[in-house]
Amino acid sequence: MEMTLIEVLGFAAGGTTLISSLPQLLANLRNEELARSQSLSRNCLQSAGNALWLAYGISAGSVSMVTFAALGFLMAGGLAFQTYSVQRKFLMAGGNQRPSPFIPTAALFRSGPRSRETCAA
């Protein structure tokens, strides 16, 4: 099989996109609270989207798309499973609130609004 320039570009794009999710996956493994604050619906939709790209890649015969859609599906599925497991564990332990999907943003304003100069620094 001869690798075309478009397939090389596909491998580069897929690799970059896949690697971009790796820090979040590793951070979730290190910090259960961070995993609990993740949006389960977002991770499930990401996984479903990757499954659709996988089906499209198979039908189009694109090796790079099939490769990275499958790997992306596994990674997004892993994030979704992580989020589900941690949120379920929290609720089973007596937690009475679902985590806010906006925790990182809300944390910025705990001490009150900041000036534009402070945020830019």
C-alpha atoms as a PDB file:
ATOM      1  CA  MET A   1       0.000   0.000   0.000  1.00  0.00           C
ATOM      2  CA  GLU A   2       1.380   3.358  -1.001  1.00  0.00           C
ATOM      3  CA  MET A   3       0.960   6.138   1.546  1.00  0.00           C
ATOM      4  CA  THR A   4      -0.515   9.220  -0.109  1.00  0.00           C
ATOM      5  CA  LEU A   5       0.098  12.745   1.108  1.00  0.00           C
ATOM      6  CA  ILE A   6      -3.524  12.996   2.212  1.00  0.00           C
ATOM      7  CA  GLU A   7      -3.138   9.855   4.386  1.00  0.00           C
ATOM      8  CA  VAL A   8       0.064  11.272   5.930  1.00  0.00           C
ATOM      9  CA  LEU A   9      -1.887  14.443   6.709  1.00  0.00           C
ATOM     10  CA  GLY A  10      -4.671  12.289   8.183  1.00  0.00           C
ATOM     11  CA  PHE A  11      -2.209  10.478  10.449  1.00  0.00           C
ATOM     12  CA  ALA A  12      -0.700  13.786  11.591  1.00  0.00           C
ATOM     13  CA  ALA A  13      -4.147  15.280  12.301  1.00  0.00           C
ATOM     14  CA  GLY A  14      -5.400  12.157  14.071  1.00  0.00           C
ATOM     15  CA  GLY A  15      -2.273  11.829  16.180  1.00  0.00           C
ATOM     16  CA  THR A  16      -2.433  15.460  17.242  1.00  0.00           C
ATOM     17  CA  THR A  17      -6.105  15.233  18.154  1.00  0.00           C
ATOM     18  CA  LEU A  18      -5.618  11.993  20.065  1.00  0.00           C
ATOM     19  CA  ILE A  19      -2.622  13.275  22.004  1.00  0.00           C
ATOM     20  CA  SER A  20      -4.584  16.391  22.981  1.00  0.00           C
ATOM     21  CA  SER A  21      -6.906  14.244  25.138  1.00  0.00           C
ATOM     22  CA  LEU A  22      -4.097  12.404  26.892  1.00  0.00           C
ATOM     23  CA  PRO A  23      -3.343  15.100  29.513  1.00  0.00           C
ATOM     24  CA  GLN A  24      -7.001  15.098  30.628  1.00  0.00           C
ATOM     25  CA  LEU A  25      -7.057  11.321  30.916  1.00  0.00           C
ATOM     26  CA  LEU A  26      -3.862  11.308  32.992  1.00  0.00           C
ATOM     27  CA  ALA A  27      -5.041  14.207  35.176  1.00  0.00           C
ATOM     28  CA  ASN A  28      -8.280  12.327  35.883  1.00  0.00           C
ATOM     29  CA  LEU A  29      -6.309   9.251  36.920  1.00  0.00           C
ATOM     30  CA  ARG A  30      -4.278  11.331  39.373  1.00  0.00           C
ATOM     31  CA  ASN A  31      -7.160  13.398  40.753  1.00  0.00           C
ATOM     32  CA  GLU A  32     -10.507  11.744  41.382  1.00  0.00           C
ATOM     33  CA  GLU A  33     -12.175  15.093  42.130  1.00  0.00           C
ATOM     34  CA  LEU A  34     -11.210  16.328  38.689  1.00  0.00           C
ATOM     35  CA  ALA A  35     -12.706  13.205  37.106  1.00  0.00           C
ATOM     36  CA  ARG A  36     -15.900  13.741  39.135  1.00  0.00           C
ATOM     37  CA  SER A  37     -16.289  17.255  37.772  1.00  0.00           C
ATOM     38  CA  GLN A  38     -16.121  16.105  34.144  1.00  0.00           C
ATOM     39  CA  SER A  39     -19.267  16.196  32.040  1.00  0.00           C
ATOM     40  CA  LEU A  40     -20.403  12.624  31.468  1.00  0.00           C
ATOM     41  CA  SER A  41     -22.674  13.616  28.581  1.00  0.00           C
ATOM     42  CA  ARG A  42     -19.798  15.420  26.821  1.00  0.00           C
ATOM     43  CA  ASN A  43     -17.550  12.372  27.092  1.00  0.00           C
ATOM     44  CA  CYS A  44     -20.322  10.051  25.872  1.00  0.00           C
ATOM     45  CA  LEU A  45     -21.062  12.326  22.924  1.00  0.00           C
ATOM     46  CA  GLN A  46     -17.351  12.490  22.083  1.00  0.00           C
ATOM     47  CA  SER A  47     -17.230   8.713  22.111  1.00  0.00           C
ATOM     48  CA  ALA A  48     -20.320   8.474  19.893  1.00  0.00           C
ATOM     49  CA  GLY A  49     -18.830  11.004  17.487  1.00  0.00           C
ATOM     50  CA  ASN A  50     -15.641   8.954  17.244  1.00  0.00           C
ATOM     51  CA  ALA A  51     -17.723   5.838  16.553  1.00  0.00           C
ATOM     52  CA  LEU A  52     -19.432   7.670  13.690  1.00  0.00           C
ATOM     53  CA  TRP A  53     -16.057   8.825  12.301  1.00  0.00           C
ATOM     54  CA  LEU A  54     -14.913   5.209  12.535  1.00  0.00           C
ATOM     55  CA  ALA A  55     -17.899   4.054  10.463  1.00  0.00           C
ATOM     56  CA  TYR A  56     -17.245   6.827   7.963  1.00  0.00           C
ATOM     57  CA  GLY A  57     -13.530   5.976   7.769  1.00  0.00           C
ATOM     58  CA  ILE A  58     -14.313   2.319   7.111  1.00  0.00           C
ATOM     59  CA  SER A  59     -16.765   3.201   4.361  1.00  0.00           C
ATOM     60  CA  ALA A  60     -14.317   5.695   2.819  1.00  0.00           C
ATOM     61  CA  GLY A  61     -11.418   3.253   3.081  1.00  0.00           C
ATOM     62  CA  SER A  62      -9.215   5.722   4.967  1.00  0.00           C
ATOM     63  CA  VAL A  63      -6.601   3.921   7.053  1.00  0.00           C
ATOM     64  CA  SER A  64      -5.687   7.040   9.031  1.00  0.00           C
ATOM     65  CA  MET A  65      -9.304   7.866   9.834  1.00  0.00           C
ATOM     66  CA  VAL A  66     -10.076   4.312  10.916  1.00  0.00           C
ATOM     67  CA  THR A  67      -6.942   4.166  13.079  1.00  0.00           C
ATOM     68  CA  PHE A  68      -7.470   7.401  14.947  1.00  0.00           C
ATOM     69  CA  ALA A  69     -11.255   7.189  15.138  1.00  0.00           C
ATOM     70  CA  ALA A  70     -10.881   3.788  16.808  1.00  0.00           C
ATOM     71  CA  LEU A  71      -8.205   5.066  19.197  1.00  0.00           C
ATOM     72  CA  GLY A  72     -10.246   8.215  19.876  1.00  0.00           C
ATOM     73  CA  PHE A  73     -13.310   6.091  20.583  1.00  0.00           C
ATOM     74  CA  LEU A  74     -11.336   4.071  23.121  1.00  0.00           C
ATOM     75  CA  MET A  75      -9.909   7.178  24.784  1.00  0.00           C
ATOM     76  CA  ALA A  76     -13.238   9.043  24.910  1.00  0.00           C
ATOM     77  CA  GLY A  77     -14.901   5.866  26.143  1.00  0.00           C
ATOM     78  CA  GLY A  78     -12.231   5.601  28.832  1.00  0.00           C
ATOM     79  CA  LEU A  79     -12.903   9.187  29.927  1.00  0.00           C
ATOM     80  CA  ALA A  80     -16.653   8.505  29.983  1.00  0.00           C
ATOM     81  CA  PHE A  81     -16.165   5.325  32.019  1.00  0.00           C
ATOM     82  CA  GLN A  82     -13.822   7.141  34.413  1.00  0.00           C
ATOM     83  CA  THR A  83     -16.322   9.957  34.895  1.00  0.00           C
ATOM     84  CA  TYR A  84     -19.246   7.575  35.359  1.00  0.00           C
ATOM     85  CA  SER A  85     -17.370   5.418  37.867  1.00  0.00           C
ATOM     86  CA  VAL A  86     -16.209   8.306  40.018  1.00  0.00           C
ATOM     87  CA  GLN A  87     -19.597  10.078  39.957  1.00  0.00           C
ATOM     88  CA  ARG A  88     -21.388   6.832  40.810  1.00  0.00           C
ATOM     89  CA  LYS A  89     -18.965   6.133  43.668  1.00  0.00           C
ATOM     90  CA  PHE A  90     -19.587   9.646  45.008  1.00  0.00           C
ATOM     91  CA  LEU A  91     -23.371   9.263  44.860  1.00  0.00           C
ATOM     92  CA  MET A  92     -23.250   5.790  46.436  1.00  0.00           C
ATOM     93  CA  ALA A  93     -21.150   7.191  49.289  1.00  0.00           C
ATOM     94  CA  GLY A  94     -23.935   9.617  50.139  1.00  0.00           C
ATOM     95  CA  GLY A  95     -23.032  12.552  47.949  1.00  0.00           C
ATOM     96  CA  ASN A  96     -26.214  14.497  47.380  1.00  0.00           C
ATOM     97  CA  GLN A  97     -25.140  16.800  44.582  1.00  0.00           C
ATOM     98  CA  ARG A  98     -24.120  16.087  41.051  1.00  0.00           C
ATOM     99  CA  PRO A  99     -20.944  17.965  40.221  1.00  0.00           C
ATOM    100  CA  SER A 100     -21.304  21.163  38.277  1.00  0.00           C
ATOM    101  CA  PRO A 101     -19.930  20.998  34.735  1.00  0.00           C
ATOM    102  CA  PHE A 102     -18.752  24.572  35.368  1.00  0.00           C
ATOM    103  CA  ILE A 103     -16.509  23.924  38.394  1.00  0.00           C
ATOM    104  CA  PRO A 104     -13.283  25.121  36.740  1.00  0.00           C
ATOM    105  CA  THR A 105     -14.925  28.373  35.630  1.00  0.00           C
ATOM    106  CA  ALA A 106     -16.743  28.893  38.928  1.00  0.00           C
ATOM    107  CA  ALA A 107     -13.480  28.403  40.809  1.00  0.00           C
ATOM    108  CA  LEU A 108     -12.074  31.486  39.080  1.00  0.00           C
ATOM    109  CA  PHE A 109     -14.698  33.651  40.756  1.00  0.00           C
ATOM    110  CA  ARG A 110     -14.583  32.275  44.309  1.00  0.00           C
ATOM    111  CA  SER A 111     -12.791  35.350  45.604  1.00  0.00           C
ATOM    112  CA  GLY A 112     -14.906  37.690  43.492  1.00  0.00           C
ATOM    113  CA  PRO A 113     -14.550  38.966  39.963  1.00  0.00           C
ATOM    114  CA  ARG A 114     -11.064  39.823  38.836  1.00  0.00           C
ATOM    115  CA  SER A 115      -9.984  42.710  36.756  1.00  0.00           C
ATOM    116  CA  ARG A 116      -9.020  42.278  33.142  1.00  0.00           C
ATOM    117  CA  GLU A 117      -5.353  42.879  33.982  1.00  0.00           C
ATOM    118  CA  THR A 118      -5.334  40.072  36.586  1.00  0.00           C
ATOM    119  CA  CYS A 119      -6.810  37.547  34.129  1.00  0.00           C
ATOM    120  CA  ALA A 120      -4.325  38.455  31.428  1.00  0.00           C
ATOM    121  CA  ALA A 121      -1.329  37.864  33.669  1.00  0.00           C
END
